[in-house]
Amino acid sequence: AHGLAALIDGLWLRAALSGKPFNPVIALTLTTQFIRQQLAGEHE
């Protein structure tokens, strides 16, 4: 849960600091991949 929270915080921080429009498709893809890796036991 901590890793996912850090990922979400990082996505929002990147979006806020980049000055570019937020891309929800990229955020969803990264988040979904992270969750799948965690469920599969592929975390480091």
N, C-alpha and C. Protein backbone atom coordinates (compact mmCIF):
# COMPACT_ATOMS: atom_id res chain seq x y z
N ALA A 1 0.82 -1.20 0.00
CA ALA A 1 0.00 0.00 0.00
C ALA A 1 0.86 1.26 0.00
N HIS A 2 2.00 1.18 0.68
CA HIS A 2 2.87 2.36 0.73
C HIS A 2 3.48 2.65 -0.64
N GLY A 3 3.83 1.60 -1.36
CA GLY A 3 4.41 1.78 -2.69
C GLY A 3 3.42 2.42 -3.65
N LEU A 4 2.17 1.98 -3.59
CA LEU A 4 1.14 2.55 -4.46
C LEU A 4 0.89 4.01 -4.11
N ALA A 5 0.85 4.32 -2.83
CA ALA A 5 0.65 5.71 -2.40
C ALA A 5 1.80 6.58 -2.89
N ALA A 6 3.02 6.07 -2.81
CA ALA A 6 4.18 6.83 -3.29
C ALA A 6 4.11 7.04 -4.80
N LEU A 7 3.67 6.02 -5.52
CA LEU A 7 3.53 6.14 -6.97
C LEU A 7 2.51 7.21 -7.33
N ILE A 8 1.37 7.19 -6.67
CA ILE A 8 0.33 8.18 -6.94
C ILE A 8 0.82 9.58 -6.59
N ASP A 9 1.47 9.73 -5.46
CA ASP A 9 2.03 11.04 -5.09
C ASP A 9 3.02 11.52 -6.14
N GLY A 10 3.86 10.60 -6.61
CA GLY A 10 4.85 10.95 -7.63
C GLY A 10 4.21 11.37 -8.94
N LEU A 11 3.15 10.69 -9.32
CA LEU A 11 2.45 11.06 -10.56
C LEU A 11 1.87 12.46 -10.46
N TRP A 12 1.26 12.77 -9.32
CA TRP A 12 0.68 14.10 -9.16
C TRP A 12 1.75 15.17 -9.06
N LEU A 13 2.85 14.87 -8.39
CA LEU A 13 3.95 15.82 -8.29
C LEU A 13 4.54 16.10 -9.67
N ARG A 14 4.76 15.05 -10.44
CA ARG A 14 5.29 15.22 -11.80
C ARG A 14 4.34 16.07 -12.64
N ALA A 15 3.05 15.80 -12.52
CA ALA A 15 2.06 16.56 -13.29
C ALA A 15 2.06 18.02 -12.89
N ALA A 16 2.17 18.28 -11.60
CA ALA A 16 2.14 19.66 -11.10
C ALA A 16 3.37 20.44 -11.52
N LEU A 17 4.52 19.78 -11.55
CA LEU A 17 5.77 20.48 -11.85
C LEU A 17 6.12 20.53 -13.33
N SER A 18 5.51 19.68 -14.13
CA SER A 18 5.90 19.59 -15.54
C SER A 18 5.39 20.76 -16.38
N GLY A 19 4.28 21.34 -15.99
CA GLY A 19 3.70 22.41 -16.79
C GLY A 19 2.98 21.91 -18.03
N LYS A 20 2.90 20.59 -18.18
CA LYS A 20 2.22 19.99 -19.32
C LYS A 20 0.88 19.42 -18.85
N PRO A 21 -0.05 19.22 -19.78
CA PRO A 21 -1.34 18.63 -19.39
C PRO A 21 -1.15 17.24 -18.80
N PHE A 22 -1.95 16.94 -17.79
CA PHE A 22 -1.92 15.63 -17.14
C PHE A 22 -2.48 14.59 -18.10
N ASN A 23 -1.78 13.47 -18.23
CA ASN A 23 -2.23 12.39 -19.11
C ASN A 23 -2.75 11.23 -18.27
N PRO A 24 -4.06 11.12 -18.13
CA PRO A 24 -4.62 10.06 -17.28
C PRO A 24 -4.37 8.66 -17.83
N VAL A 25 -4.20 8.53 -19.13
CA VAL A 25 -3.94 7.21 -19.71
C VAL A 25 -2.59 6.68 -19.25
N ILE A 26 -1.57 7.53 -19.26
CA ILE A 26 -0.25 7.12 -18.79
C ILE A 26 -0.30 6.80 -17.30
N ALA A 27 -0.97 7.63 -16.53
CA ALA A 27 -1.07 7.40 -15.08
C ALA A 27 -1.78 6.08 -14.80
N LEU A 28 -2.84 5.80 -15.51
CA LEU A 28 -3.58 4.55 -15.31
C LEU A 28 -2.72 3.35 -15.71
N THR A 29 -2.00 3.47 -16.81
CA THR A 29 -1.13 2.39 -17.27
C THR A 29 -0.04 2.09 -16.25
N LEU A 30 0.63 3.11 -15.76
CA LEU A 30 1.69 2.92 -14.77
C LEU A 30 1.15 2.31 -13.48
N THR A 31 0.02 2.81 -13.03
CA THR A 31 -0.58 2.33 -11.79
C THR A 31 -1.04 0.88 -11.93
N THR A 32 -1.68 0.56 -13.04
CA THR A 32 -2.15 -0.81 -13.27
C THR A 32 -0.97 -1.78 -13.34
N GLN A 33 0.09 -1.39 -14.03
CA GLN A 33 1.27 -2.25 -14.13
C GLN A 33 1.90 -2.47 -12.76
N PHE A 34 1.97 -1.42 -11.95
CA PHE A 34 2.53 -1.54 -10.61
C PHE A 34 1.71 -2.54 -9.77
N ILE A 35 0.39 -2.41 -9.83
CA ILE A 35 -0.48 -3.30 -9.05
C ILE A 35 -0.32 -4.74 -9.54
N ARG A 36 -0.27 -4.94 -10.84
CA ARG A 36 -0.09 -6.30 -11.37
C ARG A 36 1.23 -6.91 -10.91
N GLN A 37 2.29 -6.12 -10.91
CA GLN A 37 3.59 -6.62 -10.46
C GLN A 37 3.55 -6.98 -8.98
N GLN A 38 2.87 -6.16 -8.19
CA GLN A 38 2.76 -6.45 -6.76
C GLN A 38 1.98 -7.74 -6.52
N LEU A 39 0.90 -7.92 -7.24
CA LEU A 39 0.08 -9.13 -7.08
C LEU A 39 0.81 -10.38 -7.56
N ALA A 40 1.68 -10.21 -8.55
CA ALA A 40 2.44 -11.34 -9.09
C ALA A 40 3.69 -11.63 -8.27
N GLY A 41 4.00 -10.78 -7.30
CA GLY A 41 5.18 -10.98 -6.48
C GLY A 41 6.46 -10.55 -7.16
N GLU A 42 6.37 -9.68 -8.16
CA GLU A 42 7.54 -9.23 -8.91
C GLU A 42 8.15 -7.95 -8.36
N HIS A 43 7.79 -7.57 -7.17
CA HIS A 43 8.32 -6.33 -6.60
C HIS A 43 9.73 -6.55 -6.11
N GLU A 44 10.46 -5.47 -6.00
CA GLU A 44 11.86 -5.54 -5.56
C GLU A 44 11.98 -5.31 -4.08
